[in-house]
PDB file of N, CA and C in Angstrom:
ATOM      1  N   UNK A   1      20.844 -67.587  39.629  1.00  0.00           N
ATOM      2  CA  UNK A   1      22.171 -67.876  39.142  1.00  0.00           C
ATOM      3  C   UNK A   1      23.178 -67.438  40.201  1.00  0.00           C
ATOM      4  N   UNK A   2      24.036 -68.331  40.569  1.00  0.00           N
ATOM      5  CA  UNK A   2      25.048 -68.027  41.574  1.00  0.00           C
ATOM      6  C   UNK A   2      26.381 -67.739  40.882  1.00  0.00           C
ATOM      7  N   UNK A   3      26.983 -66.607  41.238  1.00  0.00           N
ATOM      8  CA  UNK A   3      28.290 -66.262  40.698  1.00  0.00           C
ATOM      9  C   UNK A   3      29.371 -66.802  41.614  1.00  0.00           C
ATOM     10  N   UNK A   4      30.423 -67.285  41.019  1.00  0.00           N
ATOM     11  CA  UNK A   4      31.583 -67.742  41.778  1.00  0.00           C
ATOM     12  C   UNK A   4      32.589 -66.592  41.806  1.00  0.00           C
ATOM     13  N   UNK A   5      32.911 -66.124  42.996  1.00  0.00           N
ATOM     14  CA  UNK A   5      33.731 -64.918  43.147  1.00  0.00           C
ATOM     15  C   UNK A   5      35.054 -64.985  42.402  1.00  0.00           C
ATOM     16  N   UNK A   6      35.798 -66.067  42.564  1.00  0.00           N
ATOM     17  CA  UNK A   6      37.115 -66.150  41.948  1.00  0.00           C
ATOM     18  C   UNK A   6      37.023 -66.216  40.430  1.00  0.00           C
ATOM     19  N   UNK A   7      36.060 -66.948  39.917  1.00  0.00           N
ATOM     20  CA  UNK A   7      35.873 -67.004  38.467  1.00  0.00           C
ATOM     21  C   UNK A   7      35.471 -65.633  37.927  1.00  0.00           C
ATOM     22  N   UNK A   8      34.623 -64.935  38.659  1.00  0.00           N
ATOM     23  CA  UNK A   8      34.165 -63.609  38.245  1.00  0.00           C
ATOM     24  C   UNK A   8      35.346 -62.646  38.170  1.00  0.00           C
ATOM     25  N   UNK A   9      36.172 -62.639  39.207  1.00  0.00           N
ATOM     26  CA  UNK A   9      37.337 -61.753  39.254  1.00  0.00           C
ATOM     27  C   UNK A   9      38.325 -62.106  38.150  1.00  0.00           C
ATOM     28  N   UNK A  10      38.572 -63.392  37.953  1.00  0.00           N
ATOM     29  CA  UNK A  10      39.498 -63.832  36.915  1.00  0.00           C
ATOM     30  C   UNK A  10      38.970 -63.476  35.527  1.00  0.00           C
ATOM     31  N   UNK A  11      37.685 -63.671  35.296  1.00  0.00           N
ATOM     32  CA  UNK A  11      37.096 -63.332  33.999  1.00  0.00           C
ATOM     33  C   UNK A  11      37.190 -61.830  33.738  1.00  0.00           C
ATOM     34  N   UNK A  12      36.938 -61.020  34.759  1.00  0.00           N
ATOM     35  CA  UNK A  12      37.044 -59.563  34.603  1.00  0.00           C
ATOM     36  C   UNK A  12      38.484 -59.159  34.294  1.00  0.00           C
ATOM     37  N   UNK A  13      39.433 -59.732  35.013  1.00  0.00           N
ATOM     38  CA  UNK A  13      40.842 -59.404  34.793  1.00  0.00           C
ATOM     39  C   UNK A  13      41.291 -59.823  33.393  1.00  0.00           C
ATOM     40  N   UNK A  14      40.895 -61.004  32.959  1.00  0.00           N
ATOM     41  CA  UNK A  14      41.270 -61.469  31.623  1.00  0.00           C
ATOM     42  C   UNK A  14      40.623 -60.626  30.528  1.00  0.00           C
ATOM     43  N   UNK A  15      39.387 -60.206  30.747  1.00  0.00           N
ATOM     44  CA  UNK A  15      38.708 -59.354  29.766  1.00  0.00           C
ATOM     45  C   UNK A  15      39.445 -58.034  29.597  1.00  0.00           C
ATOM     46  N   UNK A  16      39.806 -57.399  30.712  1.00  0.00           N
ATOM     47  CA  UNK A  16      40.538 -56.131  30.651  1.00  0.00           C
ATOM     48  C   UNK A  16      41.912 -56.342  30.029  1.00  0.00           C
ATOM     49  N   UNK A  17      42.569 -57.451  30.349  1.00  0.00           N
ATOM     50  CA  UNK A  17      43.875 -57.757  29.777  1.00  0.00           C
ATOM     51  C   UNK A  17      43.782 -57.898  28.260  1.00  0.00           C
ATOM     52  N   UNK A  18      42.778 -58.606  27.776  1.00  0.00           N
ATOM     53  CA  UNK A  18      42.607 -58.805  26.336  1.00  0.00           C
ATOM     54  C   UNK A  18      42.281 -57.487  25.639  1.00  0.00           C
ATOM     55  N   UNK A  19      41.332 -56.733  26.191  1.00  0.00           N
ATOM     56  CA  UNK A  19      40.952 -55.457  25.576  1.00  0.00           C
ATOM     57  C   UNK A  19      42.134 -54.489  25.583  1.00  0.00           C
ATOM     58  N   UNK A  20      42.850 -54.421  26.693  1.00  0.00           N
ATOM     59  CA  UNK A  20      44.023 -53.547  26.770  1.00  0.00           C
ATOM     60  C   UNK A  20      45.096 -53.945  25.775  1.00  0.00           C
ATOM     61  N   UNK A  21      45.293 -55.248  25.611  1.00  0.00           N
ATOM     62  CA  UNK A  21      46.277 -55.731  24.641  1.00  0.00           C
ATOM     63  C   UNK A  21      45.900 -55.374  23.214  1.00  0.00           C
ATOM     64  N   UNK A  22      44.635 -55.546  22.875  1.00  0.00           N
ATOM     65  CA  UNK A  22      44.171 -55.213  21.524  1.00  0.00           C
ATOM     66  C   UNK A  22      44.316 -53.715  21.256  1.00  0.00           C
ATOM     67  N   UNK A  23      43.916 -52.896  22.214  1.00  0.00           N
ATOM     68  CA  UNK A  23      44.030 -51.442  22.038  1.00  0.00           C
ATOM     69  C   UNK A  23      45.495 -51.038  21.902  1.00  0.00           C
ATOM     70  N   UNK A  24      46.368 -51.616  22.706  1.00  0.00           N
ATOM     71  CA  UNK A  24      47.793 -51.308  22.625  1.00  0.00           C
ATOM     72  C   UNK A  24      48.353 -51.680  21.258  1.00  0.00           C
ATOM     73  N   UNK A  25      47.982 -52.852  20.752  1.00  0.00           N
ATOM     74  CA  UNK A  25      48.448 -53.264  19.424  1.00  0.00           C
ATOM     75  C   UNK A  25      47.935 -52.324  18.336  1.00  0.00           C
ATOM     76  N   UNK A  26      46.684 -51.902  18.447  1.00  0.00           N
ATOM     77  CA  UNK A  26      46.140 -50.965  17.461  1.00  0.00           C
ATOM     78  C   UNK A  26      46.889 -49.637  17.486  1.00  0.00           C
ATOM     79  N   UNK A  27      47.209 -49.150  18.670  1.00  0.00           N
ATOM     80  CA  UNK A  27      47.946 -47.886  18.785  1.00  0.00           C
ATOM     81  C   UNK A  27      49.350 -48.041  18.218  1.00  0.00           C
ATOM     82  N   UNK A  28      49.999 -49.171  18.493  1.00  0.00           N
ATOM     83  CA  UNK A  28      51.346 -49.398  17.969  1.00  0.00           C
ATOM     84  C   UNK A  28      51.344 -49.521  16.449  1.00  0.00           C
ATOM     85  N   UNK A  29      50.322 -50.169  15.889  1.00  0.00           N
ATOM     86  CA  UNK A  29      50.269 -50.383  14.444  1.00  0.00           C
ATOM     87  C   UNK A  29      49.898 -49.111  13.683  1.00  0.00           C
ATOM     88  N   UNK A  30      49.020 -48.305  14.244  1.00  0.00           N
ATOM     89  CA  UNK A  30      48.534 -47.144  13.503  1.00  0.00           C
ATOM     90  C   UNK A  30      48.140 -46.006  14.443  1.00  0.00           C
ATOM     91  N   UNK A  31      49.115 -45.324  15.019  1.00  0.00           N
ATOM     92  CA  UNK A  31      48.778 -44.259  15.968  1.00  0.00           C
ATOM     93  C   UNK A  31      48.030 -43.090  15.323  1.00  0.00           C
ATOM     94  N   UNK A  32      48.365 -42.743  14.088  1.00  0.00           N
ATOM     95  CA  UNK A  32      47.693 -41.613  13.433  1.00  0.00           C
ATOM     96  C   UNK A  32      46.230 -41.916  13.145  1.00  0.00           C
ATOM     97  N   UNK A  33      45.942 -43.144  12.722  1.00  0.00           N
ATOM     98  CA  UNK A  33      44.559 -43.521  12.437  1.00  0.00           C
ATOM     99  C   UNK A  33      43.704 -43.445  13.699  1.00  0.00           C
ATOM    100  N   UNK A  34      44.249 -43.917  14.813  1.00  0.00           N
ATOM    101  CA  UNK A  34      43.492 -43.862  16.059  1.00  0.00           C
ATOM    102  C   UNK A  34      43.363 -42.435  16.575  1.00  0.00           C
ATOM    103  N   UNK A  35      44.341 -41.605  16.284  1.00  0.00           N
ATOM    104  CA  UNK A  35      44.234 -40.201  16.679  1.00  0.00           C
ATOM    105  C   UNK A  35      43.093 -39.537  15.914  1.00  0.00           C
ATOM    106  N   UNK A  36      42.954 -39.867  14.633  1.00  0.00           N
ATOM    107  CA  UNK A  36      41.852 -39.332  13.827  1.00  0.00           C
ATOM    108  C   UNK A  36      40.526 -39.897  14.320  1.00  0.00           C
ATOM    109  N   UNK A  37      40.496 -41.202  14.594  1.00  0.00           N
ATOM    110  CA  UNK A  37      39.261 -41.850  15.041  1.00  0.00           C
ATOM    111  C   UNK A  37      38.796 -41.308  16.386  1.00  0.00           C
ATOM    112  N   UNK A  38      39.735 -40.953  17.240  1.00  0.00           N
ATOM    113  CA  UNK A  38      39.356 -40.446  18.558  1.00  0.00           C
ATOM    114  C   UNK A  38      39.071 -38.953  18.537  1.00  0.00           C
ATOM    115  N   UNK A  39      39.116 -38.329  17.386  1.00  0.00           N
ATOM    116  CA  UNK A  39      38.860 -36.894  17.276  1.00  0.00           C
ATOM    117  C   UNK A  39      37.474 -36.499  17.733  1.00  0.00           C
ATOM    118  N   UNK A  40      36.514 -37.422  17.704  1.00  0.00           N
ATOM    119  CA  UNK A  40      35.165 -37.124  18.168  1.00  0.00           C
ATOM    120  C   UNK A  40      35.039 -37.110  19.677  1.00  0.00           C
ATOM    121  N   UNK A  41      36.061 -37.583  20.366  1.00  0.00           N
ATOM    122  CA  UNK A  41      36.019 -37.583  21.824  1.00  0.00           C
ATOM    123  C   UNK A  41      36.293 -36.174  22.339  1.00  0.00           C
ATOM    124  N   UNK A  42      35.554 -35.738  23.334  1.00  0.00           N
ATOM    125  CA  UNK A  42      35.728 -34.367  23.827  1.00  0.00           C
ATOM    126  C   UNK A  42      37.126 -34.084  24.352  1.00  0.00           C
ATOM    127  N   UNK A  43      37.792 -35.070  24.901  1.00  0.00           N
ATOM    128  CA  UNK A  43      39.110 -34.842  25.490  1.00  0.00           C
ATOM    129  C   UNK A  43      40.220 -34.869  24.441  1.00  0.00           C
ATOM    130  N   UNK A  44      39.901 -35.179  23.194  1.00  0.00           N
ATOM    131  CA  UNK A  44      40.941 -35.355  22.188  1.00  0.00           C
ATOM    132  C   UNK A  44      40.987 -34.248  21.138  1.00  0.00           C
ATOM    133  N   UNK A  45      40.502 -33.084  21.438  1.00  0.00           N
ATOM    134  CA  UNK A  45      40.583 -31.972  20.501  1.00  0.00           C
ATOM    135  C   UNK A  45      41.959 -31.334  20.651  1.00  0.00           C
ATOM    136  N   UNK A  46      42.910 -31.758  19.816  1.00  0.00           N
ATOM    137  CA  UNK A  46      44.286 -31.282  19.940  1.00  0.00           C
ATOM    138  C   UNK A  46      44.476 -29.851  19.441  1.00  0.00           C
ATOM    139  N   UNK A  47      43.560 -29.383  18.612  1.00  0.00           N
ATOM    140  CA  UNK A  47      43.711 -28.060  18.013  1.00  0.00           C
ATOM    141  C   UNK A  47      43.767 -26.945  19.032  1.00  0.00           C
ATOM    142  N   UNK A  48      42.813 -26.880  19.906  1.00  0.00           N
ATOM    143  CA  UNK A  48      42.787 -25.775  20.863  1.00  0.00           C
ATOM    144  C   UNK A  48      42.724 -26.249  22.313  1.00  0.00           C
ATOM    145  N   UNK A  49      42.903 -27.512  22.521  1.00  0.00           N
ATOM    146  CA  UNK A  49      42.936 -28.091  23.873  1.00  0.00           C
ATOM    147  C   UNK A  49      41.699 -27.749  24.695  1.00  0.00           C
ATOM    148  N   UNK A  50      40.572 -27.668  24.046  1.00  0.00           N
ATOM    149  CA  UNK A  50      39.339 -27.396  24.774  1.00  0.00           C
ATOM    150  C   UNK A  50      38.336 -28.504  24.493  1.00  0.00           C
ATOM    151  N   UNK A  51      37.274 -28.524  25.255  1.00  0.00           N
ATOM    152  CA  UNK A  51      36.232 -29.524  25.070  1.00  0.00           C
ATOM    153  C   UNK A  51      35.289 -29.044  23.987  1.00  0.00           C
ATOM    154  N   UNK A  52      35.113 -29.855  22.976  1.00  0.00           N
ATOM    155  CA  UNK A  52      34.119 -29.537  21.958  1.00  0.00           C
ATOM    156  C   UNK A  52      33.510 -30.848  21.478  1.00  0.00           C
ATOM    157  N   UNK A  53      32.212 -30.847  21.337  1.00  0.00           N
ATOM    158  CA  UNK A  53      31.535 -32.064  20.926  1.00  0.00           C
ATOM    159  C   UNK A  53      30.297 -31.685  20.131  1.00  0.00           C
ATOM    160  N   UNK A  54      30.257 -32.150  18.896  1.00  0.00           N
ATOM    161  CA  UNK A  54      29.087 -31.881  18.067  1.00  0.00           C
ATOM    162  C   UNK A  54      28.009 -32.917  18.368  1.00  0.00           C
ATOM    163  N   UNK A  55      26.811 -32.640  17.910  1.00  0.00           N
ATOM    164  CA  UNK A  55      25.712 -33.584  18.097  1.00  0.00           C
ATOM    165  C   UNK A  55      26.008 -34.891  17.366  1.00  0.00           C
ATOM    166  N   UNK A  56      26.550 -34.795  16.154  1.00  0.00           N
ATOM    167  CA  UNK A  56      26.902 -35.996  15.395  1.00  0.00           C
ATOM    168  C   UNK A  56      28.014 -36.769  16.111  1.00  0.00           C
ATOM    169  N   UNK A  57      28.987 -36.051  16.647  1.00  0.00           N
ATOM    170  CA  UNK A  57      30.056 -36.698  17.401  1.00  0.00           C
ATOM    171  C   UNK A  57      29.525 -37.429  18.621  1.00  0.00           C
ATOM    172  N   UNK A  58      28.531 -36.826  19.254  1.00  0.00           N
ATOM    173  CA  UNK A  58      27.903 -37.460  20.413  1.00  0.00           C
ATOM    174  C   UNK A  58      27.257 -38.784  20.017  1.00  0.00           C
ATOM    175  N   UNK A  59      26.495 -38.775  18.920  1.00  0.00           N
ATOM    176  CA  UNK A  59      25.809 -39.999  18.498  1.00  0.00           C
ATOM    177  C   UNK A  59      26.784 -41.059  17.984  1.00  0.00           C
ATOM    178  N   UNK A  60      27.866 -40.629  17.324  1.00  0.00           N
ATOM    179  CA  UNK A  60      28.893 -41.585  16.901  1.00  0.00           C
ATOM    180  C   UNK A  60      29.529 -42.242  18.123  1.00  0.00           C
ATOM    181  N   UNK A  61      29.873 -41.432  19.113  1.00  0.00           N
ATOM    182  CA  UNK A  61      30.463 -41.967  20.340  1.00  0.00           C
ATOM    183  C   UNK A  61      29.511 -42.884  21.079  1.00  0.00           C
ATOM    184  N   UNK A  62      28.240 -42.505  21.109  1.00  0.00           N
ATOM    185  CA  UNK A  62      27.229 -43.329  21.761  1.00  0.00           C
ATOM    186  C   UNK A  62      27.127 -44.698  21.092  1.00  0.00           C
ATOM    187  N   UNK A  63      27.116 -44.708  19.771  1.00  0.00           N
ATOM    188  CA  UNK A  63      27.063 -45.982  19.036  1.00  0.00           C
ATOM    189  C   UNK A  63      28.328 -46.799  19.278  1.00  0.00           C
ATOM    190  N   UNK A  64      29.492 -46.138  19.180  1.00  0.00           N
ATOM    191  CA  UNK A  64      30.757 -46.837  19.376  1.00  0.00           C
ATOM    192  C   UNK A  64      30.830 -47.468  20.757  1.00  0.00           C
ATOM    193  N   UNK A  65      30.545 -46.687  21.794  1.00  0.00           N
ATOM    194  CA  UNK A  65      30.653 -47.207  23.152  1.00  0.00           C
ATOM    195  C   UNK A  65      29.615 -48.281  23.438  1.00  0.00           C
ATOM    196  N   UNK A  66      28.436 -48.163  22.852  1.00  0.00           N
ATOM    197  CA  UNK A  66      27.417 -49.203  23.032  1.00  0.00           C
ATOM    198  C   UNK A  66      27.889 -50.525  22.438  1.00  0.00           C
ATOM    199  N   UNK A  67      28.457 -50.465  21.242  1.00  0.00           N
ATOM    200  CA  UNK A  67      28.976 -51.678  20.602  1.00  0.00           C
ATOM    201  C   UNK A  67      30.164 -52.215  21.385  1.00  0.00           C
ATOM    202  N   UNK A  68      31.073 -51.327  21.783  1.00  0.00           N
ATOM    203  CA  UNK A  68      32.266 -51.742  22.520  1.00  0.00           C
ATOM    204  C   UNK A  68      31.902 -52.416  23.841  1.00  0.00           C
ATOM    205  N   UNK A  69      31.000 -51.816  24.594  1.00  0.00           N
ATOM    206  CA  UNK A  69      30.593 -52.395  25.875  1.00  0.00           C
ATOM    207  C   UNK A  69      29.869 -53.715  25.655  1.00  0.00           C
ATOM    208  N   UNK A  70      29.040 -53.788  24.623  1.00  0.00           N
ATOM    209  CA  UNK A  70      28.367 -55.047  24.303  1.00  0.00           C
ATOM    210  C   UNK A  70      29.363 -56.154  24.010  1.00  0.00           C
ATOM    211  N   UNK A  71      30.390 -55.848  23.229  1.00  0.00           N
ATOM    212  CA  UNK A  71      31.419 -56.849  22.924  1.00  0.00           C
ATOM    213  C   UNK A  71      32.235 -57.213  24.161  1.00  0.00           C
ATOM    214  N   UNK A  72      32.539 -56.225  24.994  1.00  0.00           N
ATOM    215  CA  UNK A  72      33.294 -56.499  26.216  1.00  0.00           C
ATOM    216  C   UNK A  72      32.503 -57.404  27.160  1.00  0.00           C
ATOM    217  N   UNK A  73      31.212 -57.148  27.289  1.00  0.00           N
ATOM    218  CA  UNK A  73      30.373 -57.986  28.152  1.00  0.00           C
ATOM    219  C   UNK A  73      30.253 -59.391  27.565  1.00  0.00           C
ATOM    220  N   UNK A  74      30.131 -59.493  26.239  1.00  0.00           N
ATOM    221  CA  UNK A  74      30.081 -60.808  25.594  1.00  0.00           C
ATOM    222  C   UNK A  74      31.377 -61.574  25.870  1.00  0.00           C
ATOM    223  N   UNK A  75      32.526 -60.898  25.711  1.00  0.00           N
ATOM    224  CA  UNK A  75      33.814 -61.541  25.963  1.00  0.00           C
ATOM    225  C   UNK A  75      33.920 -61.981  27.419  1.00  0.00           C
ATOM    226  N   UNK A  76      33.516 -61.107  28.332  1.00  0.00           N
ATOM    227  CA  UNK A  76      33.526 -61.437  29.754  1.00  0.00           C
ATOM    228  C   UNK A  76      32.679 -62.678  30.019  1.00  0.00           C
ATOM    229  N   UNK A  77      31.497 -62.724  29.430  1.00  0.00           N
ATOM    230  CA  UNK A  77      30.594 -63.857  29.602  1.00  0.00           C
ATOM    231  C   UNK A  77      31.226 -65.147  29.075  1.00  0.00           C
ATOM    232  N   UNK A  78      31.870 -65.074  27.921  1.00  0.00           N
ATOM    233  CA  UNK A  78      32.512 -66.258  27.350  1.00  0.00           C
ATOM    234  C   UNK A  78      33.627 -66.770  28.263  1.00  0.00           C
ATOM    235  N   UNK A  79      34.439 -65.846  28.760  1.00  0.00           N
ATOM    236  CA  UNK A  79      35.538 -66.244  29.647  1.00  0.00           C
ATOM    237  C   UNK A  79      34.985 -66.833  30.934  1.00  0.00           C
ATOM    238  N   UNK A  80      33.994 -66.176  31.522  1.00  0.00           N
ATOM    239  CA  UNK A  80      33.437 -66.633  32.798  1.00  0.00           C
ATOM    240  C   UNK A  80      32.884 -68.046  32.687  1.00  0.00           C
ATOM    241  N   UNK A  81      32.135 -68.324  31.648  1.00  0.00           N
ATOM    242  CA  UNK A  81      31.506 -69.636  31.542  1.00  0.00           C
ATOM    243  C   UNK A  81      32.439 -70.722  31.027  1.00  0.00           C
ATOM    244  N   UNK A  82      33.635 -70.346  30.592  1.00  0.00           N
ATOM    245  CA  UNK A  82      34.612 -71.360  30.203  1.00  0.00           C
ATOM    246  C   UNK A  82      35.616 -71.653  31.317  1.00  0.00           C
ATOM    247  N   UNK A  83      35.517 -70.943  32.423  1.00  0.00           N
ATOM    248  CA  UNK A  83      36.420 -71.203  33.559  1.00  0.00           C
ATOM    249  C   UNK A  83      35.894 -72.340  34.407  1.00  0.00           C
TER     250      UNK A  83
END
């Protein structure tokens, strides 16, 4: 399979643009909900500003990021093959 450089770059840029737009809209619509949802992230412990991560938090994050990356790659693939 041969990749076309310009299509690849454009598909990557559009994928990031779409994902960034969706995340921005979610933050604008419900900042408190996303603050609660991101509580499992090690960098988001607002209570004592330290890194803390439980085993359950690790597995939740692992599942979330696996699904998120899978969807991002699917979106990238759709954009690339429609260019």
